[in-house]
C-alpha atoms as a PDB file:
ATOM      1  CA  MET A   1      63.858  -1.210  91.312  1.00  0.00           C
ATOM      2  CA  LYS A   2      64.655  -2.874  93.737  1.00  0.00           C
ATOM      3  CA  ASP A   3      67.344  -6.131  93.351  1.00  0.00           C
ATOM      4  CA  THR A   4      65.417  -9.165  95.564  1.00  0.00           C
ATOM      5  CA  GLY A   5      67.826 -12.115  94.056  1.00  0.00           C
ATOM      6  CA  PHE A   6      70.093 -11.291  97.110  1.00  0.00           C
ATOM      7  CA  ALA A   7      67.204 -11.806  99.525  1.00  0.00           C
ATOM      8  CA  ASN A   8      65.875 -14.528  97.822  1.00  0.00           C
ATOM      9  CA  ARG A   9      69.094 -16.866  98.125  1.00  0.00           C
ATOM     10  CA  LEU A  10      69.384 -15.713 101.355  1.00  0.00           C
ATOM     11  CA  THR A  11      65.926 -17.277 102.360  1.00  0.00           C
ATOM     12  CA  ILE A  12      66.575 -20.738 100.172  1.00  0.00           C
ATOM     13  CA  GLN A  13      69.846 -21.038 102.090  1.00  0.00           C
ATOM     14  CA  ALA A  14      67.702 -20.754 105.691  1.00  0.00           C
ATOM     15  CA  ASN A  15      64.755 -23.284 104.231  1.00  0.00           C
ATOM     16  CA  ASP A  16      67.860 -25.353 103.268  1.00  0.00           C
ATOM     17  CA  MET A  17      69.723 -25.187 106.857  1.00  0.00           C
ATOM     18  CA  THR A  18      66.462 -25.700 108.617  1.00  0.00           C
ATOM     19  CA  ARG A  19      65.729 -29.100 106.212  1.00  0.00           C
ATOM     20  CA  LEU A  20      69.790 -29.850 106.497  1.00  0.00           C
ATOM     21  CA  GLY A  21      69.691 -29.617 110.586  1.00  0.00           C
ATOM     22  CA  LYS A  22      69.271 -32.817 111.420  1.00  0.00           C
ATOM     23  CA  PRO A  23      71.693 -34.395 109.124  1.00  0.00           C
ATOM     24  CA  LEU A  24      74.202 -31.696 110.499  1.00  0.00           C
ATOM     25  CA  LEU A  25      74.046 -32.589 113.778  1.00  0.00           C
ATOM     26  CA  LEU A  26      74.275 -36.229 113.665  1.00  0.00           C
ATOM     27  CA  LEU A  27      77.484 -35.297 111.896  1.00  0.00           C
ATOM     28  CA  THR A  28      78.463 -33.522 114.487  1.00  0.00           C
ATOM     29  CA  ALA A  29      77.869 -35.906 116.515  1.00  0.00           C
ATOM     30  CA  VAL A  30      79.839 -38.561 114.949  1.00  0.00           C
ATOM     31  CA  ALA A  31      82.902 -35.675 113.994  1.00  0.00           C
ATOM     32  CA  CYS A  32      82.925 -35.594 117.718  1.00  0.00           C
ATOM     33  CA  LEU A  33      82.773 -38.930 118.647  1.00  0.00           C
ATOM     34  CA  ALA A  34      85.212 -39.714 115.768  1.00  0.00           C
ATOM     35  CA  LEU A  35      87.980 -36.904 117.358  1.00  0.00           C
ATOM     36  CA  LEU A  36      87.329 -39.231 120.833  1.00  0.00           C
ATOM     37  CA  GLY A  37      88.676 -41.765 119.494  1.00  0.00           C
ATOM     38  CA  VAL A  38      91.376 -40.068 117.142  1.00  0.00           C
ATOM     39  CA  GLY A  39      92.195 -38.897 121.703  1.00  0.00           C
ATOM     40  CA  LEU A  40      92.171 -42.274 122.596  1.00  0.00           C
ATOM     41  CA  TYR A  41      94.173 -43.381 119.963  1.00  0.00           C
ATOM     42  CA  LEU A  42      97.153 -41.325 120.999  1.00  0.00           C
ATOM     43  CA  GLN A  43      96.857 -42.155 124.508  1.00  0.00           C
ATOM     44  CA  LEU A  44      96.785 -45.904 123.560  1.00  0.00           C
ATOM     45  CA  VAL A  45      98.892 -46.508 120.688  1.00  0.00           C
ATOM     46  CA  LEU A  46     101.590 -43.515 120.458  1.00  0.00           C
ATOM     47  CA  GLU A  47     101.424 -43.164 124.469  1.00  0.00           C
ATOM     48  CA  MET A  48     100.282 -39.335 124.658  1.00  0.00           C
ATOM     49  CA  LEU A  49      99.272 -38.812 128.417  1.00  0.00           C
ATOM     50  CA  PRO A  50      96.510 -36.384 128.153  1.00  0.00           C
ATOM     51  CA  CYS A  51      96.601 -33.756 130.296  1.00  0.00           C
ATOM     52  CA  PRO A  52      93.715 -31.968 132.340  1.00  0.00           C
ATOM     53  CA  LEU A  53      92.723 -29.583 129.710  1.00  0.00           C
ATOM     54  CA  CYS A  54      92.719 -31.954 127.023  1.00  0.00           C
ATOM     55  CA  VAL A  55      90.550 -34.197 129.127  1.00  0.00           C
ATOM     56  CA  LEU A  56      88.383 -31.232 129.954  1.00  0.00           C
ATOM     57  CA  GLN A  57      88.794 -30.672 125.791  1.00  0.00           C
ATOM     58  CA  ARG A  58      87.218 -34.146 125.793  1.00  0.00           C
ATOM     59  CA  TYR A  59      84.495 -33.707 128.140  1.00  0.00           C
ATOM     60  CA  ALA A  60      83.508 -30.821 125.415  1.00  0.00           C
ATOM     61  CA  PHE A  61      83.327 -32.679 122.490  1.00  0.00           C
ATOM     62  CA  ALA A  62      81.713 -35.842 124.343  1.00  0.00           C
ATOM     63  CA  ALA A  63      78.584 -33.036 125.604  1.00  0.00           C
ATOM     64  CA  VAL A  64      78.498 -31.656 121.754  1.00  0.00           C
ATOM     65  CA  ALA A  65      78.003 -35.366 120.724  1.00  0.00           C
ATOM     66  CA  LEU A  66      75.411 -36.020 123.578  1.00  0.00           C
ATOM     67  CA  ILE A  67      73.422 -32.644 122.690  1.00  0.00           C
ATOM     68  CA  CYS A  68      73.605 -33.719 118.871  1.00  0.00           C
ATOM     69  CA  VAL A  69      72.641 -37.142 120.080  1.00  0.00           C
ATOM     70  CA  ILE A  70      69.720 -35.871 122.366  1.00  0.00           C
ATOM     71  CA  THR A  71      68.205 -33.824 119.644  1.00  0.00           C
ATOM     72  CA  LEU A  72      67.783 -36.039 117.598  1.00  0.00           C
ATOM     73  CA  LEU A  73      65.691 -37.980 119.123  1.00  0.00           C
ATOM     74  CA  LEU A  74      63.758 -34.937 119.824  1.00  0.00           C
ATOM     75  CA  PRO A  75      60.505 -33.185 118.006  1.00  0.00           C
ATOM     76  CA  SER A  76      61.473 -31.280 114.536  1.00  0.00           C
ATOM     77  CA  ALA A  77      61.095 -28.272 116.829  1.00  0.00           C
ATOM     78  CA  ALA A  78      63.840 -28.482 119.594  1.00  0.00           C
ATOM     79  CA  THR A  79      66.378 -29.161 117.039  1.00  0.00           C
ATOM     80  CA  ARG A  80      66.982 -24.750 117.449  1.00  0.00           C
ATOM     81  CA  ILE A  81      67.255 -25.375 121.082  1.00  0.00           C
ATOM     82  CA  GLY A  82      69.077 -28.551 120.882  1.00  0.00           C
ATOM     83  CA  ALA A  83      71.617 -26.823 118.467  1.00  0.00           C
ATOM     84  CA  ALA A  84      71.996 -23.655 120.264  1.00  0.00           C
ATOM     85  CA  LEU A  85      72.831 -25.822 123.099  1.00  0.00           C
ATOM     86  CA  ALA A  86      75.105 -27.741 121.319  1.00  0.00           C
ATOM     87  CA  CYS A  87      76.921 -24.277 120.021  1.00  0.00           C
ATOM     88  CA  LEU A  88      77.568 -23.320 123.636  1.00  0.00           C
ATOM     89  CA  ALA A  89      79.339 -26.857 124.366  1.00  0.00           C
ATOM     90  CA  ALA A  90      81.406 -26.310 121.079  1.00  0.00           C
ATOM     91  CA  LEU A  91      82.881 -22.494 122.400  1.00  0.00           C
ATOM     92  CA  SER A  92      83.088 -23.881 125.797  1.00  0.00           C
ATOM     93  CA  GLY A  93      85.961 -26.502 124.204  1.00  0.00           C
ATOM     94  CA  ALA A  94      86.985 -23.612 121.981  1.00  0.00           C
ATOM     95  CA  GLY A  95      87.887 -21.814 125.167  1.00  0.00           C
ATOM     96  CA  ILE A  96      89.550 -24.607 126.374  1.00  0.00           C
ATOM     97  CA  ALA A  97      91.253 -25.471 123.305  1.00  0.00           C
ATOM     98  CA  ILE A  98      92.792 -21.520 123.838  1.00  0.00           C
ATOM     99  CA  ARG A  99      93.312 -21.797 126.977  1.00  0.00           C
ATOM    100  CA  HIS A 100      95.829 -25.040 126.534  1.00  0.00           C
ATOM    101  CA  LEU A 101      97.666 -22.850 124.074  1.00  0.00           C
ATOM    102  CA  TRP A 102      98.449 -19.719 126.316  1.00  0.00           C
ATOM    103  CA  ILE A 103      99.712 -22.363 128.468  1.00  0.00           C
ATOM    104  CA  LYS A 104     101.699 -23.510 125.620  1.00  0.00           C
ATOM    105  CA  ALA A 105     103.426 -20.490 124.866  1.00  0.00           C
ATOM    106  CA  HIS A 106     103.768 -19.521 128.366  1.00  0.00           C
ATOM    107  CA  PRO A 107     105.968 -22.942 129.645  1.00  0.00           C
ATOM    108  CA  THR A 108     106.381 -21.576 132.554  1.00  0.00           C
ATOM    109  CA  VAL A 109     103.119 -22.390 133.467  1.00  0.00           C
ATOM    110  CA  SER A 110     101.599 -25.153 133.819  1.00  0.00           C
ATOM    111  CA  CYS A 111      98.642 -27.182 134.309  1.00  0.00           C
ATOM    112  CA  GLY A 112     100.257 -30.039 135.543  1.00  0.00           C
ATOM    113  CA  ILE A 113     100.254 -31.707 139.142  1.00  0.00           C
ATOM    114  CA  ASP A 114      97.747 -29.511 140.477  1.00  0.00           C
ATOM    115  CA  PRO A 115      94.375 -29.450 141.849  1.00  0.00           C
ATOM    116  CA  LEU A 116      92.399 -29.543 138.805  1.00  0.00           C
ATOM    117  CA  GLU A 117      94.090 -32.832 137.446  1.00  0.00           C
ATOM    118  CA  THR A 118      93.050 -34.444 141.327  1.00  0.00           C
ATOM    119  CA  SER A 119      89.421 -33.291 140.663  1.00  0.00           C
ATOM    120  CA  LEU A 120      89.463 -34.327 137.184  1.00  0.00           C
ATOM    121  CA  ASN A 121      90.059 -37.640 138.765  1.00  0.00           C
ATOM    122  CA  GLU A 122      87.756 -37.546 141.279  1.00  0.00           C
ATOM    123  CA  PHE A 123      84.365 -37.163 138.804  1.00  0.00           C
ATOM    124  CA  PHE A 124      81.979 -40.035 138.541  1.00  0.00           C
ATOM    125  CA  ILE A 125      83.314 -40.353 134.694  1.00  0.00           C
ATOM    126  CA  ALA A 126      86.690 -40.000 134.986  1.00  0.00           C
ATOM    127  CA  ARG A 127      86.512 -43.286 137.396  1.00  0.00           C
ATOM    128  CA  TRP A 128      83.731 -45.212 135.604  1.00  0.00           C
ATOM    129  CA  LEU A 129      85.985 -44.517 132.221  1.00  0.00           C
ATOM    130  CA  PRO A 130      89.586 -43.712 133.174  1.00  0.00           C
ATOM    131  CA  THR A 131      91.223 -44.289 130.097  1.00  0.00           C
ATOM    132  CA  LEU A 132      89.391 -41.391 128.032  1.00  0.00           C
ATOM    133  CA  PHE A 133      88.382 -38.768 130.714  1.00  0.00           C
ATOM    134  CA  GLN A 134      91.703 -39.430 133.490  1.00  0.00           C
ATOM    135  CA  ALA A 135      94.604 -36.815 133.206  1.00  0.00           C
ATOM    136  CA  ASP A 136      97.717 -37.486 133.307  1.00  0.00           C
ATOM    137  CA  GLY A 137     100.160 -36.123 131.207  1.00  0.00           C
ATOM    138  CA  LEU A 138     101.158 -32.013 132.050  1.00  0.00           C
ATOM    139  CA  CYS A 139     100.451 -29.609 129.902  1.00  0.00           C
ATOM    140  CA  THR A 140     103.147 -28.320 128.730  1.00  0.00           C
ATOM    141  CA  THR A 141     104.320 -31.146 126.829  1.00  0.00           C
ATOM    142  CA  ASP A 142     105.441 -30.440 123.566  1.00  0.00           C
ATOM    143  CA  TYR A 143     104.737 -33.962 120.782  1.00  0.00           C
ATOM    144  CA  ASP A 144     105.305 -33.607 117.405  1.00  0.00           C
ATOM    145  CA  PRO A 145     102.545 -31.729 115.048  1.00  0.00           C
ATOM    146  CA  ILE A 146     100.145 -33.788 113.160  1.00  0.00           C
ATOM    147  CA  LEU A 147     100.182 -32.612 109.537  1.00  0.00           C
ATOM    148  CA  GLY A 148     101.296 -28.979 110.948  1.00  0.00           C
ATOM    149  CA  LEU A 149      99.292 -28.380 113.952  1.00  0.00           C
ATOM    150  CA  SER A 150      98.913 -29.789 117.417  1.00  0.00           C
ATOM    151  CA  ILE A 151      96.935 -31.013 119.426  1.00  0.00           C
ATOM    152  CA  PRO A 152      95.048 -28.044 120.834  1.00  0.00           C
ATOM    153  CA  GLN A 153      95.487 -26.209 117.703  1.00  0.00           C
ATOM    154  CA  TRP A 154      93.601 -29.109 115.495  1.00  0.00           C
ATOM    155  CA  ALA A 155      90.844 -29.357 118.631  1.00  0.00           C
ATOM    156  CA  LEU A 156      90.377 -25.591 118.120  1.00  0.00           C
ATOM    157  CA  VAL A 157      89.500 -25.843 114.864  1.00  0.00           C
ATOM    158  CA  TRP A 158      87.130 -28.552 114.887  1.00  0.00           C
ATOM    159  CA  PHE A 159      85.494 -26.989 117.893  1.00  0.00           C
ATOM    160  CA  GLY A 160      85.028 -23.896 115.603  1.00  0.00           C
ATOM    161  CA  LEU A 161      83.842 -25.413 113.127  1.00  0.00           C
ATOM    162  CA  MET A 162      81.463 -27.059 115.513  1.00  0.00           C
ATOM    163  CA  ALA A 163      80.211 -23.579 116.423  1.00  0.00           C
ATOM    164  CA  ILE A 164      79.958 -22.435 113.107  1.00  0.00           C
ATOM    165  CA  VAL A 165      77.569 -25.814 111.924  1.00  0.00           C
ATOM    166  CA  THR A 166      75.773 -25.575 115.426  1.00  0.00           C
ATOM    167  CA  ALA A 167      75.019 -21.570 115.350  1.00  0.00           C
ATOM    168  CA  ALA A 168      74.176 -22.261 111.934  1.00  0.00           C
ATOM    169  CA  VAL A 169      71.087 -24.698 112.645  1.00  0.00           C
ATOM    170  CA  ALA A 170      69.774 -22.873 115.314  1.00  0.00           C
ATOM    171  CA  LEU A 171      69.633 -19.276 113.715  1.00  0.00           C
ATOM    172  CA  GLY A 172      68.344 -21.082 110.696  1.00  0.00           C
ATOM    173  CA  LYS A 173      64.916 -20.194 109.881  1.00  0.00           C
ATOM    174  CA  ARG A 174      62.143 -22.408 111.123  1.00  0.00           C
ATOM    175  CA  ARG A 175      60.082 -24.808 108.631  1.00  0.00           C
ATOM    176  CA  ARG A 176      56.128 -24.089 108.199  1.00  0.00           C
ATOM    177  CA  ALA A 177      54.248 -26.789 107.872  1.00  0.00           C
END
């Protein structure tokens, strides 16, 4: 006789994920906004200037938050699609964080004053919200670690968590009415 306990547990977990989809997206959006706030604190209070890759990571956090908030405003049928888009934005942010870590590991490479910074600072949103989205620092600048991790390492951790959560919501079973 087959053990259906494991299959039943998976079904229960998938149903729980469907029920928790919108609250998890709300939590993800709040986490993104909080992380943007932390970035502003580091910049304005601790005077850590954001580099172009930091700004790109801020764009990714803002994109994840925006996608999650828009998804929350849509009917429940759109939750999985919105979560999948948020997952893609989180994975993009993780890729940027990985690139940032690679540059920090290779100090002879820089993303400093280059076409990336110039073009980023020309975006309309960088002109509209320069405090949040204007790149002024160098990617190779070493700041003291926060709880043992550098800023791009923390960004990678958060993007990874957000990708996992949003992927779980996107892949959760659809609730039947």
